[in-house]
N, C-alpha and C. Protein backbone atom coordinates (compact mmCIF):
# COMPACT_ATOMS: atom_id res chain seq x y z
N MET A 1 23.51 -6.34 -32.82
CA MET A 1 22.58 -5.70 -31.92
C MET A 1 21.31 -5.32 -32.67
N LYS A 2 20.18 -5.62 -32.05
CA LYS A 2 18.88 -5.32 -32.65
C LYS A 2 18.37 -3.93 -32.26
N PHE A 3 18.95 -3.36 -31.18
CA PHE A 3 18.58 -2.02 -30.75
C PHE A 3 19.76 -1.42 -29.99
N LYS A 4 19.76 -0.10 -29.89
CA LYS A 4 20.84 0.60 -29.19
C LYS A 4 20.55 0.64 -27.70
N LEU A 5 21.60 0.48 -26.91
CA LEU A 5 21.47 0.40 -25.46
C LEU A 5 21.50 1.76 -24.77
N GLY A 6 21.99 2.78 -25.44
CA GLY A 6 22.20 4.06 -24.77
C GLY A 6 23.38 3.93 -23.81
N GLN A 7 23.43 4.79 -22.81
CA GLN A 7 24.50 4.72 -21.82
C GLN A 7 24.28 3.47 -20.96
N VAL A 8 25.32 2.66 -20.80
CA VAL A 8 25.22 1.44 -20.01
C VAL A 8 25.76 1.70 -18.61
N VAL A 9 24.95 1.33 -17.62
CA VAL A 9 25.33 1.47 -16.22
C VAL A 9 25.01 0.15 -15.50
N ALA A 10 25.62 -0.02 -14.34
CA ALA A 10 25.37 -1.21 -13.53
C ALA A 10 25.46 -0.83 -12.06
N THR A 11 24.67 -1.48 -11.26
CA THR A 11 24.72 -1.23 -9.83
C THR A 11 25.96 -1.92 -9.24
N PRO A 12 26.47 -1.38 -8.13
CA PRO A 12 27.62 -2.04 -7.49
C PRO A 12 27.32 -3.48 -7.10
N GLY A 13 26.10 -3.75 -6.65
CA GLY A 13 25.73 -5.11 -6.27
C GLY A 13 25.79 -6.07 -7.44
N CYS A 14 25.31 -5.64 -8.58
CA CYS A 14 25.34 -6.48 -9.77
C CYS A 14 26.77 -6.72 -10.23
N LEU A 15 27.58 -5.67 -10.21
CA LEU A 15 28.98 -5.82 -10.60
C LEU A 15 29.71 -6.80 -9.69
N GLN A 16 29.40 -6.76 -8.40
CA GLN A 16 30.03 -7.69 -7.46
C GLN A 16 29.62 -9.13 -7.75
N VAL A 17 28.33 -9.34 -8.00
CA VAL A 17 27.83 -10.68 -8.32
C VAL A 17 28.50 -11.21 -9.59
N LEU A 18 28.62 -10.36 -10.61
CA LEU A 18 29.25 -10.79 -11.86
C LEU A 18 30.73 -11.10 -11.65
N GLU A 19 31.41 -10.30 -10.84
CA GLU A 19 32.82 -10.57 -10.56
C GLU A 19 32.98 -11.89 -9.83
N GLU A 20 32.13 -12.15 -8.85
CA GLU A 20 32.19 -13.41 -8.10
C GLU A 20 31.92 -14.60 -9.00
N ALA A 21 31.08 -14.42 -10.01
CA ALA A 21 30.76 -15.50 -10.95
C ALA A 21 31.81 -15.63 -12.05
N GLY A 22 32.71 -14.65 -12.14
CA GLY A 22 33.70 -14.67 -13.21
C GLY A 22 33.10 -14.39 -14.57
N GLN A 23 32.01 -13.60 -14.59
CA GLN A 23 31.33 -13.28 -15.84
C GLN A 23 31.40 -11.78 -16.11
N SER A 24 31.26 -11.44 -17.37
CA SER A 24 31.35 -10.06 -17.80
C SER A 24 29.96 -9.48 -18.05
N PRO A 25 29.75 -8.21 -17.73
CA PRO A 25 28.48 -7.58 -18.09
C PRO A 25 28.20 -7.68 -19.59
N THR A 26 29.24 -7.65 -20.39
CA THR A 26 29.10 -7.71 -21.84
C THR A 26 28.36 -8.97 -22.28
N ASP A 27 28.61 -10.09 -21.61
CA ASP A 27 27.92 -11.34 -21.98
C ASP A 27 26.41 -11.16 -21.94
N PHE A 28 25.92 -10.52 -20.90
CA PHE A 28 24.48 -10.34 -20.73
C PHE A 28 23.94 -9.20 -21.59
N LEU A 29 24.73 -8.17 -21.77
CA LEU A 29 24.32 -7.06 -22.64
C LEU A 29 24.17 -7.52 -24.09
N GLU A 30 25.07 -8.37 -24.55
CA GLU A 30 24.98 -8.88 -25.91
C GLU A 30 23.74 -9.73 -26.10
N ARG A 31 23.42 -10.55 -25.12
CA ARG A 31 22.20 -11.37 -25.20
C ARG A 31 20.97 -10.46 -25.25
N HIS A 32 20.94 -9.49 -24.36
CA HIS A 32 19.82 -8.56 -24.27
C HIS A 32 19.63 -7.82 -25.59
N ALA A 33 20.69 -7.28 -26.13
CA ALA A 33 20.62 -6.49 -27.37
C ALA A 33 20.37 -7.36 -28.60
N SER A 34 20.45 -8.68 -28.44
CA SER A 34 20.18 -9.61 -29.54
C SER A 34 18.80 -10.24 -29.43
N ASN A 35 17.96 -9.67 -28.57
CA ASN A 35 16.59 -10.15 -28.36
C ASN A 35 16.54 -11.53 -27.69
N ASP A 36 17.55 -11.89 -26.94
CA ASP A 36 17.52 -13.09 -26.09
C ASP A 36 17.11 -12.58 -24.71
N TRP A 37 15.84 -12.72 -24.40
CA TRP A 37 15.29 -12.13 -23.18
C TRP A 37 15.56 -12.94 -21.93
N GLY A 38 16.22 -14.08 -22.08
CA GLY A 38 16.60 -14.86 -20.91
C GLY A 38 15.44 -15.60 -20.28
N ASP A 39 15.37 -15.51 -18.96
CA ASP A 39 14.44 -16.31 -18.17
C ASP A 39 13.11 -15.58 -17.95
N LEU A 40 12.44 -15.24 -19.03
CA LEU A 40 11.13 -14.62 -18.96
C LEU A 40 10.07 -15.57 -19.49
N ASP A 41 8.85 -15.38 -19.03
CA ASP A 41 7.77 -16.20 -19.59
C ASP A 41 7.37 -15.63 -20.96
N ASP A 42 6.54 -16.37 -21.66
CA ASP A 42 6.18 -15.99 -23.03
C ASP A 42 5.49 -14.64 -23.10
N ALA A 43 4.68 -14.31 -22.11
CA ALA A 43 3.97 -13.02 -22.12
C ALA A 43 4.97 -11.86 -22.00
N ASP A 44 5.97 -12.00 -21.13
CA ASP A 44 6.97 -10.94 -20.98
C ASP A 44 7.85 -10.83 -22.22
N LYS A 45 8.16 -11.94 -22.84
CA LYS A 45 8.94 -11.91 -24.08
C LYS A 45 8.15 -11.19 -25.17
N TRP A 46 6.85 -11.46 -25.23
CA TRP A 46 5.99 -10.80 -26.20
C TRP A 46 5.97 -9.29 -25.94
N GLU A 47 5.90 -8.88 -24.68
CA GLU A 47 5.92 -7.45 -24.33
C GLU A 47 7.20 -6.80 -24.84
N ASN A 48 8.33 -7.48 -24.71
CA ASN A 48 9.59 -6.94 -25.23
C ASN A 48 9.54 -6.81 -26.75
N ASP A 49 8.99 -7.80 -27.41
CA ASP A 49 8.89 -7.74 -28.87
C ASP A 49 8.04 -6.55 -29.30
N VAL A 50 6.96 -6.29 -28.58
CA VAL A 50 6.12 -5.13 -28.86
C VAL A 50 6.90 -3.85 -28.58
N ALA A 51 7.65 -3.82 -27.48
CA ALA A 51 8.42 -2.62 -27.10
C ALA A 51 9.45 -2.26 -28.16
N LEU A 52 9.97 -3.25 -28.85
CA LEU A 52 10.90 -2.97 -29.94
C LEU A 52 10.23 -2.17 -31.05
N GLN A 53 8.95 -2.42 -31.25
CA GLN A 53 8.20 -1.73 -32.31
C GLN A 53 7.66 -0.38 -31.84
N THR A 54 7.30 -0.29 -30.57
CA THR A 54 6.62 0.91 -30.07
C THR A 54 7.56 1.86 -29.32
N GLY A 55 8.77 1.39 -29.01
CA GLY A 55 9.70 2.23 -28.27
C GLY A 55 9.61 2.12 -26.77
N GLY A 56 8.90 1.11 -26.27
CA GLY A 56 8.74 0.93 -24.83
C GLY A 56 9.98 0.37 -24.16
N ARG A 57 9.87 0.23 -22.85
CA ARG A 57 10.96 -0.32 -22.04
C ARG A 57 11.19 -1.79 -22.37
N ILE A 58 12.45 -2.21 -22.37
CA ILE A 58 12.82 -3.60 -22.67
C ILE A 58 13.48 -4.19 -21.44
N PHE A 59 13.01 -5.38 -21.05
CA PHE A 59 13.44 -6.02 -19.81
C PHE A 59 13.89 -7.45 -20.08
N SER A 60 15.03 -7.83 -19.52
CA SER A 60 15.51 -9.21 -19.60
C SER A 60 15.91 -9.69 -18.21
N ALA A 61 15.87 -10.99 -18.01
CA ALA A 61 16.29 -11.59 -16.75
C ALA A 61 17.18 -12.78 -17.06
N TYR A 62 18.29 -12.86 -16.36
CA TYR A 62 19.26 -13.94 -16.59
C TYR A 62 19.74 -14.47 -15.25
N HIS A 63 20.39 -15.61 -15.30
CA HIS A 63 21.05 -16.17 -14.12
C HIS A 63 22.54 -16.31 -14.42
N THR A 64 23.34 -15.93 -13.45
CA THR A 64 24.78 -16.14 -13.58
C THR A 64 25.08 -17.62 -13.38
N ILE A 65 26.32 -18.01 -13.60
CA ILE A 65 26.69 -19.42 -13.40
C ILE A 65 26.60 -19.81 -11.93
N THR A 66 26.55 -18.82 -11.03
CA THR A 66 26.37 -19.11 -9.60
C THR A 66 24.89 -19.05 -9.20
N LYS A 67 24.01 -18.98 -10.19
CA LYS A 67 22.55 -19.03 -10.02
C LYS A 67 21.94 -17.76 -9.45
N THR A 68 22.65 -16.66 -9.49
CA THR A 68 22.11 -15.39 -9.04
C THR A 68 21.38 -14.71 -10.20
N LYS A 69 20.17 -14.26 -9.94
CA LYS A 69 19.38 -13.60 -10.98
C LYS A 69 19.84 -12.15 -11.13
N ILE A 70 19.99 -11.73 -12.38
CA ILE A 70 20.25 -10.33 -12.69
C ILE A 70 19.23 -9.87 -13.71
N TRP A 71 18.96 -8.59 -13.68
CA TRP A 71 18.06 -7.97 -14.64
C TRP A 71 18.84 -7.01 -15.52
N VAL A 72 18.37 -6.88 -16.76
CA VAL A 72 18.89 -5.86 -17.67
C VAL A 72 17.67 -5.10 -18.19
N ILE A 73 17.68 -3.78 -17.98
CA ILE A 73 16.54 -2.94 -18.36
C ILE A 73 17.02 -1.81 -19.25
N THR A 74 16.43 -1.72 -20.42
CA THR A 74 16.69 -0.60 -21.33
C THR A 74 15.46 0.30 -21.31
N GLU A 75 15.70 1.57 -21.03
CA GLU A 75 14.61 2.53 -20.91
C GLU A 75 13.91 2.74 -22.25
N ALA A 76 12.69 3.22 -22.16
CA ALA A 76 11.90 3.53 -23.35
C ALA A 76 12.55 4.64 -24.16
N ILE A 77 12.15 4.73 -25.40
CA ILE A 77 12.66 5.79 -26.26
C ILE A 77 12.14 7.14 -25.75
N GLY A 78 13.06 8.08 -25.64
CA GLY A 78 12.72 9.40 -25.14
C GLY A 78 12.26 10.33 -26.25
N PRO A 79 12.02 11.58 -25.90
CA PRO A 79 11.53 12.55 -26.89
C PRO A 79 12.52 12.80 -28.03
N ASP A 80 13.79 12.45 -27.79
CA ASP A 80 14.79 12.64 -28.84
C ASP A 80 14.87 11.44 -29.79
N GLY A 81 14.02 10.42 -29.55
CA GLY A 81 14.00 9.25 -30.42
C GLY A 81 15.07 8.22 -30.12
N GLN A 82 15.75 8.38 -29.00
CA GLN A 82 16.83 7.47 -28.62
C GLN A 82 16.52 6.82 -27.27
N ARG A 83 17.14 5.68 -27.04
CA ARG A 83 17.08 5.06 -25.72
C ARG A 83 18.22 5.64 -24.90
N ALA A 84 17.90 6.19 -23.75
CA ALA A 84 18.89 6.90 -22.96
C ALA A 84 19.86 5.97 -22.26
N SER A 85 19.35 4.84 -21.74
CA SER A 85 20.25 4.02 -20.92
C SER A 85 19.77 2.59 -20.79
N THR A 86 20.73 1.75 -20.40
CA THR A 86 20.48 0.36 -20.04
C THR A 86 21.18 0.12 -18.71
N CYS A 87 20.48 -0.55 -17.81
CA CYS A 87 21.03 -0.81 -16.48
C CYS A 87 21.04 -2.30 -16.18
N LEU A 88 22.16 -2.78 -15.65
CA LEU A 88 22.26 -4.13 -15.10
C LEU A 88 22.11 -4.00 -13.60
N LEU A 89 21.23 -4.80 -13.01
CA LEU A 89 20.97 -4.71 -11.59
C LEU A 89 20.44 -6.02 -11.04
N LEU A 90 20.43 -6.12 -9.73
CA LEU A 90 19.83 -7.26 -9.05
C LEU A 90 18.36 -6.94 -8.79
N PRO A 91 17.48 -7.95 -8.78
CA PRO A 91 16.06 -7.67 -8.57
C PRO A 91 15.77 -6.89 -7.30
N ASP A 92 16.50 -7.15 -6.22
CA ASP A 92 16.21 -6.43 -4.97
C ASP A 92 16.75 -5.01 -4.98
N GLU A 93 17.42 -4.61 -6.05
CA GLU A 93 17.90 -3.25 -6.18
C GLU A 93 16.95 -2.37 -7.01
N TYR A 94 15.88 -2.96 -7.50
CA TYR A 94 14.95 -2.22 -8.35
C TYR A 94 14.12 -1.23 -7.55
């Protein structure tokens, strides 16, 4: 892992999509925490790389094997110097 995820949460909709695809949230969390930003354009990937240095929010987008898009968002570093949480969700749940 390249950064800490904080508390990991997921929306019920995302969990249902992952269950239907037979995939684990861990698969996507590991990619996210390893700086594999998934299906983002170069500008968004660059923003994540900057966020690693500045403490900003980190965003990844992936597709399940059933072609459903999911997002993984890690919040910016808080006043305590830690990232509070990471959420797996569907784009329409944002």
